[in-house]
PDB file of N, CA and C in Angstrom:
ATOM      1  N   MET A   1     115.432  80.920  99.658  1.00  0.00           N
ATOM      2  CA  MET A   1     114.431  81.175 100.668  1.00  0.00           C
ATOM      3  C   MET A   1     115.068  81.355 102.042  1.00  0.00           C
ATOM      4  N   ASN A   2     116.117  80.628 102.322  1.00  0.00           N
ATOM      5  CA  ASN A   2     116.796  80.774 103.598  1.00  0.00           C
ATOM      6  C   ASN A   2     117.430  82.143 103.754  1.00  0.00           C
ATOM      7  N   GLU A   3     117.715  82.823 102.643  1.00  0.00           N
ATOM      8  CA  GLU A   3     118.295  84.157 102.722  1.00  0.00           C
ATOM      9  C   GLU A   3     117.308  85.148 103.327  1.00  0.00           C
ATOM     10  N   ASP A   4     116.004  84.910 103.195  1.00  0.00           N
ATOM     11  CA  ASP A   4     114.997  85.809 103.741  1.00  0.00           C
ATOM     12  C   ASP A   4     114.869  85.680 105.259  1.00  0.00           C
ATOM     13  N   ARG A   5     115.229  84.553 105.783  1.00  0.00           N
ATOM     14  CA  ARG A   5     115.031  84.285 107.200  1.00  0.00           C
ATOM     15  C   ARG A   5     115.772  85.268 108.111  1.00  0.00           C
ATOM     16  N   PRO A   6     117.066  85.514 107.913  1.00  0.00           N
ATOM     17  CA  PRO A   6     117.742  86.460 108.812  1.00  0.00           C
ATOM     18  C   PRO A   6     117.103  87.846 108.782  1.00  0.00           C
ATOM     19  N   GLU A   7     116.687  88.290 107.603  1.00  0.00           N
ATOM     20  CA  GLU A   7     116.059  89.604 107.506  1.00  0.00           C
ATOM     21  C   GLU A   7     114.730  89.616 108.255  1.00  0.00           C
ATOM     22  N   SER A   8     113.962  88.541 108.138  1.00  0.00           N
ATOM     23  CA  SER A   8     112.681  88.490 108.824  1.00  0.00           C
ATOM     24  C   SER A   8     112.887  88.385 110.336  1.00  0.00           C
ATOM     25  N   GLU A   9     113.936  87.698 110.771  1.00  0.00           N
ATOM     26  CA  GLU A   9     114.254  87.646 112.201  1.00  0.00           C
ATOM     27  C   GLU A   9     114.679  89.020 112.705  1.00  0.00           C
ATOM     28  N   GLN A  10     115.439  89.719 111.889  1.00  0.00           N
ATOM     29  CA  GLN A  10     115.853  91.074 112.269  1.00  0.00           C
ATOM     30  C   GLN A  10     114.634  91.983 112.355  1.00  0.00           C
ATOM     31  N   ALA A  11     113.718  91.858 111.407  1.00  0.00           N
ATOM     32  CA  ALA A  11     112.501  92.667 111.428  1.00  0.00           C
ATOM     33  C   ALA A  11     111.694  92.384 112.693  1.00  0.00           C
ATOM     34  N   ALA A  12     111.611  91.123 113.075  1.00  0.00           N
ATOM     35  CA  ALA A  12     110.879  90.758 114.291  1.00  0.00           C
ATOM     36  C   ALA A  12     111.543  91.368 115.526  1.00  0.00           C
ATOM     37  N   ARG A  13     112.865  91.341 115.561  1.00  0.00           N
ATOM     38  CA  ARG A  13     113.582  91.951 116.694  1.00  0.00           C
ATOM     39  C   ARG A  13     113.338  93.452 116.739  1.00  0.00           C
ATOM     40  N   LEU A  14     113.368  94.085 115.577  1.00  0.00           N
ATOM     41  CA  LEU A  14     113.139  95.531 115.526  1.00  0.00           C
ATOM     42  C   LEU A  14     111.705  95.874 115.948  1.00  0.00           C
ATOM     43  N   ARG A  15     110.737  95.072 115.505  1.00  0.00           N
ATOM     44  CA  ARG A  15     109.348  95.305 115.921  1.00  0.00           C
ATOM     45  C   ARG A  15     109.211  95.192 117.441  1.00  0.00           C
ATOM     46  N   ALA A  16     109.863  94.193 118.011  1.00  0.00           N
ATOM     47  CA  ALA A  16     109.809  94.013 119.462  1.00  0.00           C
ATOM     48  C   ALA A  16     110.444  95.206 120.169  1.00  0.00           C
ATOM     49  N   ARG A  17     111.540  95.711 119.632  1.00  0.00           N
ATOM     50  CA  ARG A  17     112.212  96.866 120.229  1.00  0.00           C
ATOM     51  C   ARG A  17     111.307  98.103 120.154  1.00  0.00           C
ATOM     52  N   ALA A  18     110.648  98.294 119.021  1.00  0.00           N
ATOM     53  CA  ALA A  18     109.736  99.433 118.875  1.00  0.00           C
ATOM     54  C   ALA A  18     108.600  99.334 119.883  1.00  0.00           C
ATOM     55  N   GLU A  19     108.064  98.139 120.058  1.00  0.00           N
ATOM     56  CA  GLU A  19     106.989  97.950 121.037  1.00  0.00           C
ATOM     57  C   GLU A  19     107.481  98.249 122.451  1.00  0.00           C
ATOM     58  N   GLN A  20     108.690  97.802 122.759  1.00  0.00           N
ATOM     59  CA  GLN A  20     109.272  98.062 124.072  1.00  0.00           C
ATOM     60  C   GLN A  20     109.416  99.571 124.311  1.00  0.00           C
ATOM     61  N   LEU A  21     109.890 100.278 123.302  1.00  0.00           N
ATOM     62  CA  LEU A  21     110.044 101.729 123.432  1.00  0.00           C
ATOM     63  C   LEU A  21     108.692 102.416 123.628  1.00  0.00           C
ATOM     64  N   GLU A  22     107.671 101.941 122.923  1.00  0.00           N
ATOM     65  CA  GLU A  22     106.340 102.527 123.068  1.00  0.00           C
ATOM     66  C   GLU A  22     105.795 102.305 124.477  1.00  0.00           C
ATOM     67  N   LEU A  23     106.039 101.133 125.033  1.00  0.00           N
ATOM     68  CA  LEU A  23     105.598 100.867 126.405  1.00  0.00           C
ATOM     69  C   LEU A  23     106.347 101.760 127.395  1.00  0.00           C
ATOM     70  N   GLU A  24     107.642 101.926 127.189  1.00  0.00           N
ATOM     71  CA  GLU A  24     108.427 102.816 128.048  1.00  0.00           C
ATOM     72  C   GLU A  24     107.890 104.247 127.947  1.00  0.00           C
ATOM     73  N   ALA A  25     107.542 104.652 126.746  1.00  0.00           N
ATOM     74  CA  ALA A  25     107.012 106.001 126.544  1.00  0.00           C
ATOM     75  C   ALA A  25     105.708 106.204 127.319  1.00  0.00           C
ATOM     76  N   GLN A  26     104.882 105.173 127.356  1.00  0.00           N
ATOM     77  CA  GLN A  26     103.612 105.275 128.081  1.00  0.00           C
ATOM     78  C   GLN A  26     103.834 105.381 129.588  1.00  0.00           C
ATOM     79  N   ARG A  27     104.917 104.785 130.077  1.00  0.00           N
ATOM     80  CA  ARG A  27     105.173 104.750 131.520  1.00  0.00           C
ATOM     81  C   ARG A  27     105.876 105.990 132.054  1.00  0.00           C
ATOM     82  N   THR A  28     106.596 106.690 131.186  1.00  0.00           N
ATOM     83  CA  THR A  28     107.389 107.822 131.683  1.00  0.00           C
ATOM     84  C   THR A  28     106.507 109.037 131.951  1.00  0.00           C
ATOM     85  N   GLY A  29     106.897 109.789 132.946  1.00  0.00           N
ATOM     86  CA  GLY A  29     106.174 111.003 133.274  1.00  0.00           C
ATOM     87  C   GLY A  29     106.776 112.235 132.614  1.00  0.00           C
ATOM     88  N   ASP A  30     107.936 112.080 132.010  1.00  0.00           N
ATOM     89  CA  ASP A  30     108.644 113.184 131.364  1.00  0.00           C
ATOM     90  C   ASP A  30     108.183 113.310 129.912  1.00  0.00           C
ATOM     91  N   ALA A  31     107.571 114.423 129.586  1.00  0.00           N
ATOM     92  CA  ALA A  31     107.017 114.615 128.246  1.00  0.00           C
ATOM     93  C   ALA A  31     108.094 114.570 127.159  1.00  0.00           C
ATOM     94  N   ALA A  32     109.252 115.145 127.429  1.00  0.00           N
ATOM     95  CA  ALA A  32     110.329 115.150 126.435  1.00  0.00           C
ATOM     96  C   ALA A  32     110.839 113.731 126.194  1.00  0.00           C
ATOM     97  N   GLU A  33     110.978 112.970 127.266  1.00  0.00           N
ATOM     98  CA  GLU A  33     111.422 111.584 127.137  1.00  0.00           C
ATOM     99  C   GLU A  33     110.371 110.748 126.412  1.00  0.00           C
ATOM    100  N   ARG A  34     109.097 110.989 126.705  1.00  0.00           N
ATOM    101  CA  ARG A  34     108.007 110.281 126.025  1.00  0.00           C
ATOM    102  C   ARG A  34     108.073 110.535 124.520  1.00  0.00           C
ATOM    103  N   GLN A  35     108.258 111.778 124.143  1.00  0.00           N
ATOM    104  CA  GLN A  35     108.330 112.114 122.724  1.00  0.00           C
ATOM    105  C   GLN A  35     109.552 111.477 122.067  1.00  0.00           C
ATOM    106  N   ARG A  36     110.687 111.517 122.742  1.00  0.00           N
ATOM    107  CA  ARG A  36     111.911 110.915 122.206  1.00  0.00           C
ATOM    108  C   ARG A  36     111.718 109.418 121.970  1.00  0.00           C
ATOM    109  N   LEU A  37     111.159 108.730 122.954  1.00  0.00           N
ATOM    110  CA  LEU A  37     110.938 107.290 122.831  1.00  0.00           C
ATOM    111  C   LEU A  37     109.944 106.972 121.706  1.00  0.00           C
ATOM    112  N   THR A  38     108.887 107.750 121.633  1.00  0.00           N
ATOM    113  CA  THR A  38     107.876 107.538 120.599  1.00  0.00           C
ATOM    114  C   THR A  38     108.463 107.762 119.213  1.00  0.00           C
ATOM    115  N   GLU A  39     109.238 108.826 119.055  1.00  0.00           N
ATOM    116  CA  GLU A  39     109.854 109.104 117.755  1.00  0.00           C
ATOM    117  C   GLU A  39     110.838 108.011 117.353  1.00  0.00           C
ATOM    118  N   THR A  40     111.588 107.497 118.320  1.00  0.00           N
ATOM    119  CA  THR A  40     112.512 106.401 118.031  1.00  0.00           C
ATOM    120  C   THR A  40     111.739 105.160 117.586  1.00  0.00           C
ATOM    121  N   ALA A  41     110.645 104.855 118.260  1.00  0.00           N
ATOM    122  CA  ALA A  41     109.814 103.703 117.886  1.00  0.00           C
ATOM    123  C   ALA A  41     109.256 103.871 116.478  1.00  0.00           C
ATOM    124  N   VAL A  42     108.824 105.067 116.143  1.00  0.00           N
ATOM    125  CA  VAL A  42     108.284 105.325 114.799  1.00  0.00           C
ATOM    126  C   VAL A  42     109.374 105.112 113.752  1.00  0.00           C
ATOM    127  N   ARG A  43     110.576 105.610 114.010  1.00  0.00           N
ATOM    128  CA  ARG A  43     111.677 105.418 113.058  1.00  0.00           C
ATOM    129  C   ARG A  43     111.995 103.936 112.862  1.00  0.00           C
ATOM    130  N   ILE A  44     111.972 103.183 113.951  1.00  0.00           N
ATOM    131  CA  ILE A  44     112.237 101.742 113.854  1.00  0.00           C
ATOM    132  C   ILE A  44     111.149 101.068 113.024  1.00  0.00           C
ATOM    133  N   ARG A  45     109.893 101.407 113.273  1.00  0.00           N
ATOM    134  CA  ARG A  45     108.788 100.803 112.507  1.00  0.00           C
ATOM    135  C   ARG A  45     108.884 101.164 111.023  1.00  0.00           C
ATOM    136  N   GLU A  46     109.294 102.390 110.725  1.00  0.00           N
ATOM    137  CA  GLU A  46     109.482 102.784 109.321  1.00  0.00           C
ATOM    138  C   GLU A  46     110.591 101.966 108.676  1.00  0.00           C
ATOM    139  N   GLN A  47     111.659 101.725 109.433  1.00  0.00           N
ATOM    140  CA  GLN A  47     112.767 100.907 108.929  1.00  0.00           C
ATOM    141  C   GLN A  47     112.282  99.487 108.639  1.00  0.00           C
ATOM    142  N   VAL A  48     111.482  98.926 109.521  1.00  0.00           N
ATOM    143  CA  VAL A  48     110.942  97.580 109.317  1.00  0.00           C
ATOM    144  C   VAL A  48     110.047  97.558 108.077  1.00  0.00           C
ATOM    145  N   ASP A  49     109.233  98.589 107.915  1.00  0.00           N
ATOM    146  CA  ASP A  49     108.361  98.656 106.734  1.00  0.00           C
ATOM    147  C   ASP A  49     109.176  98.672 105.455  1.00  0.00           C
ATOM    148  N   ARG A  50     110.293  99.404 105.452  1.00  0.00           N
ATOM    149  CA  ARG A  50     111.150  99.435 104.258  1.00  0.00           C
ATOM    150  C   ARG A  50     111.791  98.071 104.022  1.00  0.00           C
ATOM    151  N   MET A  51     112.158  97.384 105.091  1.00  0.00           N
ATOM    152  CA  MET A  51     112.767  96.063 104.967  1.00  0.00           C
ATOM    153  C   MET A  51     111.774  95.051 104.403  1.00  0.00           C
ATOM    154  N   ASP A  52     110.553  95.102 104.906  1.00  0.00           N
ATOM    155  CA  ASP A  52     109.534  94.127 104.521  1.00  0.00           C
ATOM    156  C   ASP A  52     108.953  94.409 103.141  1.00  0.00           C
ATOM    157  N   GLY A  53     108.896  95.657 102.757  1.00  0.00           N
ATOM    158  CA  GLY A  53     108.340  96.016 101.465  1.00  0.00           C
ATOM    159  C   GLY A  53     106.820  95.928 101.454  1.00  0.00           C
ATOM    160  N   PRO A  54     106.216  96.363 100.374  1.00  0.00           N
ATOM    161  CA  PRO A  54     104.753  96.414 100.296  1.00  0.00           C
ATOM    162  C   PRO A  54     104.090  95.039 100.288  1.00  0.00           C
ATOM    163  N   GLU A  55     104.796  94.014  99.839  1.00  0.00           N
ATOM    164  CA  GLU A  55     104.183  92.686  99.772  1.00  0.00           C
ATOM    165  C   GLU A  55     103.906  92.097 101.145  1.00  0.00           C
ATOM    166  N   SER A  56     104.486  92.658 102.191  1.00  0.00           N
ATOM    167  CA  SER A  56     104.272  92.115 103.525  1.00  0.00           C
ATOM    168  C   SER A  56     103.131  92.829 104.254  1.00  0.00           C
ATOM    169  N   ALA A  57     102.537  93.815 103.630  1.00  0.00           N
ATOM    170  CA  ALA A  57     101.458  94.557 104.258  1.00  0.00           C
ATOM    171  C   ALA A  57     100.256  93.645 104.511  1.00  0.00           C
ATOM    172  N   THR A  58      99.627  93.855 105.635  1.00  0.00           N
ATOM    173  CA  THR A  58      98.456  93.069 105.972  1.00  0.00           C
ATOM    174  C   THR A  58      97.247  93.678 105.275  1.00  0.00           C
ATOM    175  N   MET A  59      96.500  92.821 104.615  1.00  0.00           N
ATOM    176  CA  MET A  59      95.308  93.298 103.927  1.00  0.00           C
ATOM    177  C   MET A  59      94.094  92.582 104.471  1.00  0.00           C
ATOM    178  N   ASP A  60      93.005  93.299 104.543  1.00  0.00           N
ATOM    179  CA  ASP A  60      91.740  92.720 104.972  1.00  0.00           C
ATOM    180  C   ASP A  60      91.166  91.919 103.812  1.00  0.00           C
ATOM    181  N   PRO A  61      90.896  90.626 104.006  1.00  0.00           N
ATOM    182  CA  PRO A  61      90.392  89.805 102.904  1.00  0.00           C
ATOM    183  C   PRO A  61      88.950  90.096 102.518  1.00  0.00           C
ATOM    184  N   MET A  62      88.311  91.002 103.195  1.00  0.00           N
ATOM    185  CA  MET A  62      86.930  91.426 102.955  1.00  0.00           C
ATOM    186  C   MET A  62      86.020  90.400 103.511  1.00  0.00           C
TER     187      MET A  62
END
């Protein structure tokens, strides 16, 4: 179980980085820079999704 911890900490760091990039994208006035930052954030989030796998997906309990 302790082996999962570093990966989950890394995922949390990556999520925080993606959020930071998205905020930077919202603040910039340069459209090309906004797109670059947004695309980088999307790639990071996709990487986190692959790390976490489908079992970590949030589901609505109804």
